[in-house]
Amino acid sequence: MASKGQQPRDDDGDEGLSEFERGLLTSVRQALRGEVIVHTPEQIMARGRGRPVGSVKADAKEHINIRLSPDVLEYFRAAGEGWQTRIDAALRHYIAQHESAQKQHA
């Protein structure tokens, strides 16, 4: 604990708490010090639905349906989250490798 005249540290009194509880206490302490913006329910309702303006990249990806072989899908999913991004990267790599060959035959 902090003695008189000292600011409490973010980890004061956190012994025995779960990671979630420590994170929650840290967030509350930051808000009390004015380090983060706290949104009231009224501010949240006034903000409206959807993503904030400017938060979407100009070259956003297009949503499609694609059929893949089970073994291909299993391979990319096996590495965990981000498997769709890895498929996108693999396709980009394929394009880069074959673009020059396509231009030579054109």
PDB file of N, CA and C in Angstrom:
ATOM      1  N   MET A   1       0.840  -1.188   0.000  1.00  0.00           N
ATOM      2  CA  MET A   1       0.000   0.000   0.000  1.00  0.00           C
ATOM      3  C   MET A   1       0.879   1.244   0.000  1.00  0.00           C
ATOM      4  N   ALA A   2       0.360   2.305  -0.561  1.00  0.00           N
ATOM      5  CA  ALA A   2       1.079   3.575  -0.600  1.00  0.00           C
ATOM      6  C   ALA A   2       0.931   4.271   0.743  1.00  0.00           C
ATOM      7  N   SER A   3       2.020   4.904   1.206  1.00  0.00           N
ATOM      8  CA  SER A   3       1.935   5.657   2.451  1.00  0.00           C
ATOM      9  C   SER A   3       1.372   7.026   2.164  1.00  0.00           C
ATOM     10  N   LYS A   4       1.103   7.781   3.238  1.00  0.00           N
ATOM     11  CA  LYS A   4       0.511   9.119   3.076  1.00  0.00           C
ATOM     12  C   LYS A   4       1.369   9.981   2.163  1.00  0.00           C
ATOM     13  N   GLY A   5       0.703  10.688   1.250  1.00  0.00           N
ATOM     14  CA  GLY A   5       1.390  11.605   0.357  1.00  0.00           C
ATOM     15  C   GLY A   5       1.940  10.948  -0.898  1.00  0.00           C
ATOM     16  N   GLN A   6       1.842   9.623  -0.987  1.00  0.00           N
ATOM     17  CA  GLN A   6       2.320   8.929  -2.182  1.00  0.00           C
ATOM     18  C   GLN A   6       1.142   8.480  -3.020  1.00  0.00           C
ATOM     19  N   GLN A   7       1.333   8.513  -4.336  1.00  0.00           N
ATOM     20  CA  GLN A   7       0.315   7.996  -5.250  1.00  0.00           C
ATOM     21  C   GLN A   7       0.335   6.475  -5.171  1.00  0.00           C
ATOM     22  N   PRO A   8      -0.832   5.825  -5.136  1.00  0.00           N
ATOM     23  CA  PRO A   8      -0.826   4.362  -5.132  1.00  0.00           C
ATOM     24  C   PRO A   8      -0.315   3.828  -6.462  1.00  0.00           C
ATOM     25  N   ARG A   9       0.452   2.756  -6.402  1.00  0.00           N
ATOM     26  CA  ARG A   9       0.931   2.105  -7.618  1.00  0.00           C
ATOM     27  C   ARG A   9      -0.201   1.288  -8.205  1.00  0.00           C
ATOM     28  N   ASP A  10      -0.099   0.985  -9.513  1.00  0.00           N
ATOM     29  CA  ASP A  10      -1.153   0.215 -10.163  1.00  0.00           C
ATOM     30  C   ASP A  10      -1.273  -1.201  -9.630  1.00  0.00           C
ATOM     31  N   ASP A  11      -0.216  -1.707  -8.974  1.00  0.00           N
ATOM     32  CA  ASP A  11      -0.299  -3.081  -8.483  1.00  0.00           C
ATOM     33  C   ASP A  11      -0.508  -3.163  -6.972  1.00  0.00           C
ATOM     34  N   ASP A  12      -0.747  -2.026  -6.302  1.00  0.00           N
ATOM     35  CA  ASP A  12      -1.005  -2.050  -4.863  1.00  0.00           C
ATOM     36  C   ASP A  12      -2.273  -2.823  -4.548  1.00  0.00           C
ATOM     37  N   GLY A  13      -2.170  -3.819  -3.694  1.00  0.00           N
ATOM     38  CA  GLY A  13      -3.336  -4.569  -3.247  1.00  0.00           C
ATOM     39  C   GLY A  13      -3.862  -5.561  -4.259  1.00  0.00           C
ATOM     40  N   ASP A  14      -3.074  -5.898  -5.271  1.00  0.00           N
ATOM     41  CA  ASP A  14      -3.551  -6.789  -6.331  1.00  0.00           C
ATOM     42  C   ASP A  14      -3.199  -8.257  -6.089  1.00  0.00           C
ATOM     43  N   GLU A  15      -2.565  -8.557  -4.948  1.00  0.00           N
ATOM     44  CA  GLU A  15      -2.171  -9.936  -4.682  1.00  0.00           C
ATOM     45  C   GLU A  15      -3.413 -10.814  -4.632  1.00  0.00           C
ATOM     46  N   GLY A  16      -3.328 -11.994  -5.258  1.00  0.00           N
ATOM     47  CA  GLY A  16      -4.414 -12.951  -5.209  1.00  0.00           C
ATOM     48  C   GLY A  16      -5.545 -12.693  -6.196  1.00  0.00           C
ATOM     49  N   LEU A  17      -5.427 -11.663  -7.029  1.00  0.00           N
ATOM     50  CA  LEU A  17      -6.470 -11.375  -8.003  1.00  0.00           C
ATOM     51  C   LEU A  17      -6.168 -12.095  -9.317  1.00  0.00           C
ATOM     52  N   SER A  18      -7.220 -12.376 -10.061  1.00  0.00           N
ATOM     53  CA  SER A  18      -7.029 -12.989 -11.374  1.00  0.00           C
ATOM     54  C   SER A  18      -6.495 -11.937 -12.350  1.00  0.00           C
ATOM     55  N   GLU A  19      -6.024 -12.392 -13.501  1.00  0.00           N
ATOM     56  CA  GLU A  19      -5.517 -11.466 -14.518  1.00  0.00           C
ATOM     57  C   GLU A  19      -6.612 -10.494 -14.956  1.00  0.00           C
ATOM     58  N   PHE A  20      -7.842 -11.006 -15.110  1.00  0.00           N
ATOM     59  CA  PHE A  20      -8.963 -10.165 -15.504  1.00  0.00           C
ATOM     60  C   PHE A  20      -9.217  -9.087 -14.454  1.00  0.00           C
ATOM     61  N   GLU A  21      -9.216  -9.482 -13.173  1.00  0.00           N
ATOM     62  CA  GLU A  21      -9.481  -8.523 -12.099  1.00  0.00           C
ATOM     63  C   GLU A  21      -8.380  -7.469 -12.023  1.00  0.00           C
ATOM     64  N   ARG A  22      -7.113  -7.873 -12.201  1.00  0.00           N
ATOM     65  CA  ARG A  22      -6.015  -6.888 -12.210  1.00  0.00           C
ATOM     66  C   ARG A  22      -6.173  -5.917 -13.375  1.00  0.00           C
ATOM     67  N   GLY A  23      -6.552  -6.434 -14.548  1.00  0.00           N
ATOM     68  CA  GLY A  23      -6.766  -5.572 -15.708  1.00  0.00           C
ATOM     69  C   GLY A  23      -7.899  -4.587 -15.485  1.00  0.00           C
ATOM     70  N   LEU A  24      -8.956  -5.076 -14.858  1.00  0.00           N
ATOM     71  CA  LEU A  24     -10.099  -4.205 -14.562  1.00  0.00           C
ATOM     72  C   LEU A  24      -9.697  -3.102 -13.590  1.00  0.00           C
ATOM     73  N   LEU A  25      -8.960  -3.458 -12.549  1.00  0.00           N
ATOM     74  CA  LEU A  25      -8.492  -2.443 -11.595  1.00  0.00           C
ATOM     75  C   LEU A  25      -7.572  -1.429 -12.258  1.00  0.00           C
ATOM     76  N   THR A  26      -6.704  -1.885 -13.138  1.00  0.00           N
ATOM     77  CA  THR A  26      -5.818  -0.971 -13.853  1.00  0.00           C
ATOM     78  C   THR A  26      -6.629   0.006 -14.698  1.00  0.00           C
ATOM     79  N   SER A  27      -7.661  -0.496 -15.378  1.00  0.00           N
ATOM     80  CA  SER A  27      -8.517   0.374 -16.189  1.00  0.00           C
ATOM     81  C   SER A  27      -9.224   1.419 -15.330  1.00  0.00           C
ATOM     82  N   VAL A  28      -9.726   1.001 -14.177  1.00  0.00           N
ATOM     83  CA  VAL A  28     -10.417   1.939 -13.272  1.00  0.00           C
ATOM     84  C   VAL A  28      -9.440   2.989 -12.775  1.00  0.00           C
ATOM     85  N   ARG A  29      -8.238   2.554 -12.400  1.00  0.00           N
ATOM     86  CA  ARG A  29      -7.233   3.523 -11.911  1.00  0.00           C
ATOM     87  C   ARG A  29      -6.863   4.526 -12.995  1.00  0.00           C
ATOM     88  N   GLN A  30      -6.722   4.050 -14.242  1.00  0.00           N
ATOM     89  CA  GLN A  30      -6.407   4.961 -15.347  1.00  0.00           C
ATOM     90  C   GLN A  30      -7.542   5.952 -15.558  1.00  0.00           C
ATOM     91  N   ALA A  31      -8.760   5.502 -15.473  1.00  0.00           N
ATOM     92  CA  ALA A  31      -9.910   6.394 -15.649  1.00  0.00           C
ATOM     93  C   ALA A  31      -9.952   7.434 -14.543  1.00  0.00           C
ATOM     94  N   LEU A  32      -9.678   7.025 -13.314  1.00  0.00           N
ATOM     95  CA  LEU A  32      -9.692   7.963 -12.194  1.00  0.00           C
ATOM     96  C   LEU A  32      -8.598   9.020 -12.322  1.00  0.00           C
ATOM     97  N   ARG A  33      -7.478   8.646 -12.950  1.00  0.00           N
ATOM     98  CA  ARG A  33      -6.398   9.612 -13.162  1.00  0.00           C
ATOM     99  C   ARG A  33      -6.623  10.451 -14.415  1.00  0.00           C
ATOM    100  N   GLY A  34      -7.684  10.160 -15.169  1.00  0.00           N
ATOM    101  CA  GLY A  34      -7.972  10.922 -16.374  1.00  0.00           C
ATOM    102  C   GLY A  34      -7.129  10.502 -17.563  1.00  0.00           C
ATOM    103  N   GLU A  35      -6.553   9.313 -17.519  1.00  0.00           N
ATOM    104  CA  GLU A  35      -5.686   8.846 -18.603  1.00  0.00           C
ATOM    105  C   GLU A  35      -6.468   8.235 -19.761  1.00  0.00           C
ATOM    106  N   VAL A  36      -7.711   7.898 -19.543  1.00  0.00           N
ATOM    107  CA  VAL A  36      -8.543   7.311 -20.593  1.00  0.00           C
ATOM    108  C   VAL A  36      -9.872   8.058 -20.642  1.00  0.00           C
ATOM    109  N   ILE A  37     -10.517   7.977 -21.790  1.00  0.00           N
ATOM    110  CA  ILE A  37     -11.813   8.623 -21.947  1.00  0.00           C
ATOM    111  C   ILE A  37     -12.889   7.628 -21.531  1.00  0.00           C
ATOM    112  N   VAL A  38     -13.749   8.049 -20.622  1.00  0.00           N
ATOM    113  CA  VAL A  38     -14.850   7.200 -20.187  1.00  0.00           C
ATOM    114  C   VAL A  38     -16.102   7.665 -20.913  1.00  0.00           C
ATOM    115  N   HIS A  39     -16.765   6.750 -21.605  1.00  0.00           N
ATOM    116  CA  HIS A  39     -17.966   7.085 -22.350  1.00  0.00           C
ATOM    117  C   HIS A  39     -19.196   6.810 -21.501  1.00  0.00           C
ATOM    118  N   THR A  40     -20.078   7.776 -21.454  1.00  0.00           N
ATOM    119  CA  THR A  40     -21.338   7.591 -20.740  1.00  0.00           C
ATOM    120  C   THR A  40     -22.312   6.863 -21.656  1.00  0.00           C
ATOM    121  N   PRO A  41     -23.366   6.263 -21.092  1.00  0.00           N
ATOM    122  CA  PRO A  41     -24.364   5.619 -21.948  1.00  0.00           C
ATOM    123  C   PRO A  41     -24.965   6.578 -22.979  1.00  0.00           C
ATOM    124  N   GLU A  42     -25.118   7.833 -22.606  1.00  0.00           N
ATOM    125  CA  GLU A  42     -25.673   8.826 -23.537  1.00  0.00           C
ATOM    126  C   GLU A  42     -24.730   9.044 -24.721  1.00  0.00           C
ATOM    127  N   GLN A  43     -23.420   9.102 -24.445  1.00  0.00           N
ATOM    128  CA  GLN A  43     -22.447   9.283 -25.520  1.00  0.00           C
ATOM    129  C   GLN A  43     -22.436   8.067 -26.447  1.00  0.00           C
ATOM    130  N   ILE A  44     -22.560   6.905 -25.870  1.00  0.00           N
ATOM    131  CA  ILE A  44     -22.561   5.682 -26.671  1.00  0.00           C
ATOM    132  C   ILE A  44     -23.794   5.645 -27.575  1.00  0.00           C
ATOM    133  N   MET A  45     -24.965   6.004 -27.041  1.00  0.00           N
ATOM    134  CA  MET A  45     -26.194   6.004 -27.832  1.00  0.00           C
ATOM    135  C   MET A  45     -26.138   7.055 -28.941  1.00  0.00           C
ATOM    136  N   ALA A  46     -25.552   8.211 -28.670  1.00  0.00           N
ATOM    137  CA  ALA A  46     -25.479   9.289 -29.654  1.00  0.00           C
ATOM    138  C   ALA A  46     -24.514   8.947 -30.789  1.00  0.00           C
ATOM    139  N   ARG A  47     -23.567   8.073 -30.516  1.00  0.00           N
ATOM    140  CA  ARG A  47     -22.557   7.720 -31.509  1.00  0.00           C
ATOM    141  C   ARG A  47     -23.168   6.983 -32.698  1.00  0.00           C
ATOM    142  N   GLY A  48     -24.201   6.228 -32.477  1.00  0.00           N
ATOM    143  CA  GLY A  48     -24.844   5.511 -33.573  1.00  0.00           C
ATOM    144  C   GLY A  48     -24.191   4.177 -33.853  1.00  0.00           C
ATOM    145  N   ARG A  49     -24.767   3.482 -34.812  1.00  0.00           N
ATOM    146  CA  ARG A  49     -24.296   2.143 -35.154  1.00  0.00           C
ATOM    147  C   ARG A  49     -23.192   2.172 -36.187  1.00  0.00           C
ATOM    148  N   GLY A  50     -22.471   1.084 -36.283  1.00  0.00           N
ATOM    149  CA  GLY A  50     -21.450   0.926 -37.312  1.00  0.00           C
ATOM    150  C   GLY A  50     -20.082   1.398 -36.875  1.00  0.00           C
ATOM    151  N   ARG A  51     -19.153   1.247 -37.784  1.00  0.00           N
ATOM    152  CA  ARG A  51     -17.782   1.653 -37.504  1.00  0.00           C
ATOM    153  C   ARG A  51     -17.652   3.172 -37.617  1.00  0.00           C
ATOM    154  N   PRO A  52     -16.733   3.749 -36.838  1.00  0.00           N
ATOM    155  CA  PRO A  52     -16.504   5.189 -36.946  1.00  0.00           C
ATOM    156  C   PRO A  52     -16.022   5.558 -38.336  1.00  0.00           C
ATOM    157  N   VAL A  53     -16.367   6.747 -38.783  1.00  0.00           N
ATOM    158  CA  VAL A  53     -15.961   7.229 -40.091  1.00  0.00           C
ATOM    159  C   VAL A  53     -14.445   7.225 -40.171  1.00  0.00           C
ATOM    160  N   GLY A  54     -13.923   6.711 -41.270  1.00  0.00           N
ATOM    161  CA  GLY A  54     -12.480   6.686 -41.476  1.00  0.00           C
ATOM    162  C   GLY A  54     -11.788   5.473 -40.879  1.00  0.00           C
ATOM    163  N   SER A  55     -12.536   4.597 -40.222  1.00  0.00           N
ATOM    164  CA  SER A  55     -11.897   3.442 -39.594  1.00  0.00           C
ATOM    165  C   SER A  55     -11.817   2.240 -40.529  1.00  0.00           C
ATOM    166  N   VAL A  56     -12.394   2.355 -41.705  1.00  0.00           N
ATOM    167  CA  VAL A  56     -12.374   1.257 -42.672  1.00  0.00           C
ATOM    168  C   VAL A  56     -11.383   1.603 -43.771  1.00  0.00           C
ATOM    169  N   LYS A  57     -10.503   0.653 -44.079  1.00  0.00           N
ATOM    170  CA  LYS A  57      -9.510   0.901 -45.117  1.00  0.00           C
ATOM    171  C   LYS A  57     -10.194   1.098 -46.469  1.00  0.00           C
ATOM    172  N   ALA A  58      -9.584   1.933 -47.301  1.00  0.00           N
ATOM    173  CA  ALA A  58     -10.138   2.205 -48.626  1.00  0.00           C
ATOM    174  C   ALA A  58     -10.123   0.955 -49.494  1.00  0.00           C
ATOM    175  N   ASP A  59      -9.151   0.089 -49.269  1.00  0.00           N
ATOM    176  CA  ASP A  59      -9.053  -1.142 -50.061  1.00  0.00           C
ATOM    177  C   ASP A  59      -9.573  -2.337 -49.262  1.00  0.00           C
ATOM    178  N   ALA A  60     -10.760  -2.173 -48.698  1.00  0.00           N
ATOM    179  CA  ALA A  60     -11.346  -3.232 -47.883  1.00  0.00           C
ATOM    180  C   ALA A  60     -11.514  -4.508 -48.695  1.00  0.00           C
ATOM    181  N   LYS A  61     -11.398  -5.628 -48.008  1.00  0.00           N
ATOM    182  CA  LYS A  61     -11.545  -6.911 -48.684  1.00  0.00           C
ATOM    183  C   LYS A  61     -13.003  -7.157 -49.030  1.00  0.00           C
ATOM    184  N   GLU A  62     -13.203  -7.930 -50.055  1.00  0.00           N
ATOM    185  CA  GLU A  62     -14.553  -8.232 -50.526  1.00  0.00           C
ATOM    186  C   GLU A  62     -15.008  -9.561 -49.939  1.00  0.00           C
ATOM    187  N   HIS A  63     -16.238  -9.609 -49.474  1.00  0.00           N
ATOM    188  CA  HIS A  63     -16.806 -10.833 -48.914  1.00  0.00           C
ATOM    189  C   HIS A  63     -17.261 -11.741 -50.051  1.00  0.00           C
ATOM    190  N   ILE A  64     -16.757 -12.968 -50.056  1.00  0.00           N
ATOM    191  CA  ILE A  64     -17.144 -13.943 -51.090  1.00  0.00           C
ATOM    192  C   ILE A  64     -17.381 -15.298 -50.428  1.00  0.00           C
ATOM    193  N   ASN A  65     -17.966 -16.197 -51.167  1.00  0.00           N
ATOM    194  CA  ASN A  65     -18.059 -17.594 -50.766  1.00  0.00           C
ATOM    195  C   ASN A  65     -17.142 -18.380 -51.694  1.00  0.00           C
ATOM    196  N   ILE A  66     -16.341 -19.254 -51.121  1.00  0.00           N
ATOM    197  CA  ILE A  66     -15.400 -20.038 -51.917  1.00  0.00           C
ATOM    198  C   ILE A  66     -15.395 -21.471 -51.380  1.00  0.00           C
ATOM    199  N   ARG A  67     -15.312 -22.409 -52.275  1.00  0.00           N
ATOM    200  CA  ARG A  67     -15.274 -23.818 -51.887  1.00  0.00           C
ATOM    201  C   ARG A  67     -13.825 -24.287 -51.957  1.00  0.00           C
ATOM    202  N   LEU A  68     -13.343 -24.838 -50.852  1.00  0.00           N
ATOM    203  CA  LEU A  68     -11.967 -25.326 -50.773  1.00  0.00           C
ATOM    204  C   LEU A  68     -11.976 -26.804 -50.412  1.00  0.00           C
ATOM    205  N   SER A  69     -10.949 -27.498 -50.832  1.00  0.00           N
ATOM    206  CA  SER A  69     -10.803 -28.908 -50.467  1.00  0.00           C
ATOM    207  C   SER A  69     -10.630 -29.011 -48.955  1.00  0.00           C
ATOM    208  N   PRO A  70     -11.188 -30.062 -48.351  1.00  0.00           N
ATOM    209  CA  PRO A  70     -11.094 -30.211 -46.890  1.00  0.00           C
ATOM    210  C   PRO A  70      -9.662 -30.193 -46.367  1.00  0.00           C
ATOM    211  N   ASP A  71      -8.726 -30.815 -47.103  1.00  0.00           N
ATOM    212  CA  ASP A  71      -7.342 -30.847 -46.625  1.00  0.00           C
ATOM    213  C   ASP A  71      -6.692 -29.466 -46.681  1.00  0.00           C
ATOM    214  N   VAL A  72      -7.044 -28.669 -47.678  1.00  0.00           N
ATOM    215  CA  VAL A  72      -6.511 -27.301 -47.771  1.00  0.00           C
ATOM    216  C   VAL A  72      -7.041 -26.474 -46.603  1.00  0.00           C
ATOM    217  N   LEU A  73      -8.330 -26.556 -46.353  1.00  0.00           N
ATOM    218  CA  LEU A  73      -8.937 -25.817 -45.255  1.00  0.00           C
ATOM    219  C   LEU A  73      -8.356 -26.250 -43.917  1.00  0.00           C
ATOM    220  N   GLU A  74      -8.187 -27.559 -43.734  1.00  0.00           N
ATOM    221  CA  GLU A  74      -7.620 -28.083 -42.480  1.00  0.00           C
ATOM    222  C   GLU A  74      -6.210 -27.548 -42.262  1.00  0.00           C
ATOM    223  N   TYR A  75      -5.415 -27.493 -43.335  1.00  0.00           N
ATOM    224  CA  TYR A  75      -4.042 -27.001 -43.241  1.00  0.00           C
ATOM    225  C   TYR A  75      -4.005 -25.559 -42.725  1.00  0.00           C
ATOM    226  N   PHE A  76      -4.810 -24.693 -43.313  1.00  0.00           N
ATOM    227  CA  PHE A  76      -4.779 -23.284 -42.922  1.00  0.00           C
ATOM    228  C   PHE A  76      -5.416 -23.061 -41.543  1.00  0.00           C
ATOM    229  N   ARG A  77      -6.461 -23.792 -41.217  1.00  0.00           N
ATOM    230  CA  ARG A  77      -7.108 -23.634 -39.910  1.00  0.00           C
ATOM    231  C   ARG A  77      -6.255 -24.189 -38.773  1.00  0.00           C
ATOM    232  N   ALA A  78      -5.399 -25.157 -39.070  1.00  0.00           N
ATOM    233  CA  ALA A  78      -4.594 -25.810 -38.038  1.00  0.00           C
ATOM    234  C   ALA A  78      -3.678 -24.825 -37.304  1.00  0.00           C
ATOM    235  N   ALA A  79      -3.279 -23.760 -37.967  1.00  0.00           N
ATOM    236  CA  ALA A  79      -2.387 -22.780 -37.349  1.00  0.00           C
ATOM    237  C   ALA A  79      -3.133 -21.772 -36.478  1.00  0.00           C
ATOM    238  N   GLY A  80      -4.453 -21.889 -36.399  1.00  0.00           N
ATOM    239  CA  GLY A  80      -5.224 -21.020 -35.510  1.00  0.00           C
ATOM    240  C   GLY A  80      -5.803 -19.803 -36.206  1.00  0.00           C
ATOM    241  N   GLU A  81      -6.104 -18.796 -35.368  1.00  0.00           N
ATOM    242  CA  GLU A  81      -6.733 -17.579 -35.885  1.00  0.00           C
ATOM    243  C   GLU A  81      -5.899 -16.959 -36.993  1.00  0.00           C
ATOM    244  N   GLY A  82      -6.570 -16.312 -37.917  1.00  0.00           N
ATOM    245  CA  GLY A  82      -5.890 -15.658 -39.030  1.00  0.00           C
ATOM    246  C   GLY A  82      -5.763 -16.549 -40.252  1.00  0.00           C
ATOM    247  N   TRP A  83      -6.461 -17.680 -40.250  1.00  0.00           N
ATOM    248  CA  TRP A  83      -6.327 -18.617 -41.367  1.00  0.00           C
ATOM    249  C   TRP A  83      -6.808 -18.010 -42.674  1.00  0.00           C
ATOM    250  N   GLN A  84      -7.836 -17.166 -42.629  1.00  0.00           N
ATOM    251  CA  GLN A  84      -8.321 -16.534 -43.859  1.00  0.00           C
ATOM    252  C   GLN A  84      -7.281 -15.564 -44.409  1.00  0.00           C
ATOM    253  N   THR A  85      -6.610 -14.848 -43.509  1.00  0.00           N
ATOM    254  CA  THR A  85      -5.554 -13.923 -43.925  1.00  0.00           C
ATOM    255  C   THR A  85      -4.397 -14.692 -44.546  1.00  0.00           C
ATOM    256  N   ARG A  86      -4.080 -15.875 -43.994  1.00  0.00           N
ATOM    257  CA  ARG A  86      -3.010 -16.690 -44.568  1.00  0.00           C
ATOM    258  C   ARG A  86      -3.379 -17.214 -45.960  1.00  0.00           C
ATOM    259  N   ILE A  87      -4.643 -17.552 -46.152  1.00  0.00           N
ATOM    260  CA  ILE A  87      -5.080 -17.965 -47.494  1.00  0.00           C
ATOM    261  C   ILE A  87      -4.930 -16.802 -48.458  1.00  0.00           C
ATOM    262  N   ASP A  88      -5.317 -15.608 -48.023  1.00  0.00           N
ATOM    263  CA  ASP A  88      -5.174 -14.412 -48.857  1.00  0.00           C
ATOM    264  C   ASP A  88      -3.704 -14.194 -49.224  1.00  0.00           C
ATOM    265  N   ALA A  89      -2.813 -14.347 -48.244  1.00  0.00           N
ATOM    266  CA  ALA A  89      -1.379 -14.160 -48.498  1.00  0.00           C
ATOM    267  C   ALA A  89      -0.855 -15.215 -49.470  1.00  0.00           C
ATOM    268  N   ALA A  90      -1.323 -16.457 -49.333  1.00  0.00           N
ATOM    269  CA  ALA A  90      -0.889 -17.524 -50.240  1.00  0.00           C
ATOM    270  C   ALA A  90      -1.343 -17.228 -51.672  1.00  0.00           C
ATOM    271  N   LEU A  91      -2.554 -16.720 -51.825  1.00  0.00           N
ATOM    272  CA  LEU A  91      -3.050 -16.382 -53.155  1.00  0.00           C
ATOM    273  C   LEU A  91      -2.283 -15.202 -53.750  1.00  0.00           C
ATOM    274  N   ARG A  92      -1.956 -14.221 -52.910  1.00  0.00           N
ATOM    275  CA  ARG A  92      -1.152 -13.084 -53.380  1.00  0.00           C
ATOM    276  C   ARG A  92       0.229 -13.561 -53.844  1.00  0.00           C
ATOM    277  N   HIS A  93       0.812 -14.487 -53.074  1.00  0.00           N
ATOM    278  CA  HIS A  93       2.125 -15.035 -53.442  1.00  0.00           C
ATOM    279  C   HIS A  93       2.023 -15.756 -54.791  1.00  0.00           C
ATOM    280  N   TYR A  94       0.977 -16.519 -54.987  1.00  0.00           N
ATOM    281  CA  TYR A  94       0.759 -17.224 -56.255  1.00  0.00           C
ATOM    282  C   TYR A  94       0.679 -16.219 -57.409  1.00  0.00           C
ATOM    283  N   ILE A  95      -0.075 -15.145 -57.213  1.00  0.00           N
ATOM    284  CA  ILE A  95      -0.217 -14.118 -58.254  1.00  0.00           C
ATOM    285  C   ILE A  95       1.142 -13.515 -58.586  1.00  0.00           C
ATOM    286  N   ALA A  96       1.904 -13.178 -57.552  1.00  0.00           N
ATOM    287  CA  ALA A  96       3.219 -12.569 -57.776  1.00  0.00           C
ATOM    288  C   ALA A  96       4.140 -13.507 -58.548  1.00  0.00           C
ATOM    289  N   GLN A  97       4.081 -14.803 -58.257  1.00  0.00           N
ATOM    290  CA  GLN A  97       4.937 -15.769 -58.931  1.00  0.00           C
ATOM    291  C   GLN A  97       4.523 -15.994 -60.382  1.00  0.00           C
ATOM    292  N   HIS A  98       3.237 -15.850 -60.677  1.00  0.00           N
ATOM    293  CA  HIS A  98       2.732 -16.172 -62.012  1.00  0.00           C
ATOM    294  C   HIS A  98       2.438 -14.944 -62.875  1.00  0.00           C
ATOM    295  N   GLU A  99       2.485 -13.763 -62.309  1.00  0.00           N
ATOM    296  CA  GLU A  99       2.205 -12.547 -63.078  1.00  0.00           C
ATOM    297  C   GLU A  99       3.229 -12.337 -64.176  1.00  0.00           C
ATOM    298  N   SER A 100       4.490 -12.506 -63.844  1.00  0.00           N
ATOM    299  CA  SER A 100       5.538 -12.264 -64.840  1.00  0.00           C
ATOM    300  C   SER A 100       5.448 -13.291 -65.983  1.00  0.00           C
ATOM    301  N   ALA A 101       5.126 -14.529 -65.645  1.00  0.00           N
ATOM    302  CA  ALA A 101       4.979 -15.564 -66.681  1.00  0.00           C
ATOM    303  C   ALA A 101       3.803 -15.250 -67.585  1.00  0.00           C
ATOM    304  N   GLN A 102       2.743 -14.720 -67.015  1.00  0.00           N
ATOM    305  CA  GLN A 102       1.563 -14.362 -67.795  1.00  0.00           C
ATOM    306  C   GLN A 102       1.879 -13.223 -68.758  1.00  0.00           C
ATOM    307  N   LYS A 103       2.656 -12.242 -68.299  1.00  0.00           N
ATOM    308  CA  LYS A 103       3.016 -11.095 -69.134  1.00  0.00           C
ATOM    309  C   LYS A 103       3.918 -11.537 -70.296  1.00  0.00           C
ATOM    310  N   GLN A 104       4.777 -12.525 -70.064  1.00  0.00           N
ATOM    311  CA  GLN A 104       5.671 -13.007 -71.111  1.00  0.00           C
ATOM    312  C   GLN A 104       4.898 -13.699 -72.225  1.00  0.00           C
ATOM    313  N   HIS A 105       3.799 -14.368 -71.894  1.00  0.00           N
ATOM    314  CA  HIS A 105       3.007 -15.085 -72.887  1.00  0.00           C
ATOM    315  C   HIS A 105       1.964 -14.194 -73.574  1.00  0.00           C
ATOM    316  N   ALA A 106       1.795 -12.987 -73.076  1.00  0.00           N
ATOM    317  CA  ALA A 106       0.773 -12.106 -73.635  1.00  0.00           C
ATOM    318  C   ALA A 106       1.248 -11.349 -74.840  1.00  0.00           C
TER     319      ALA A 106
END
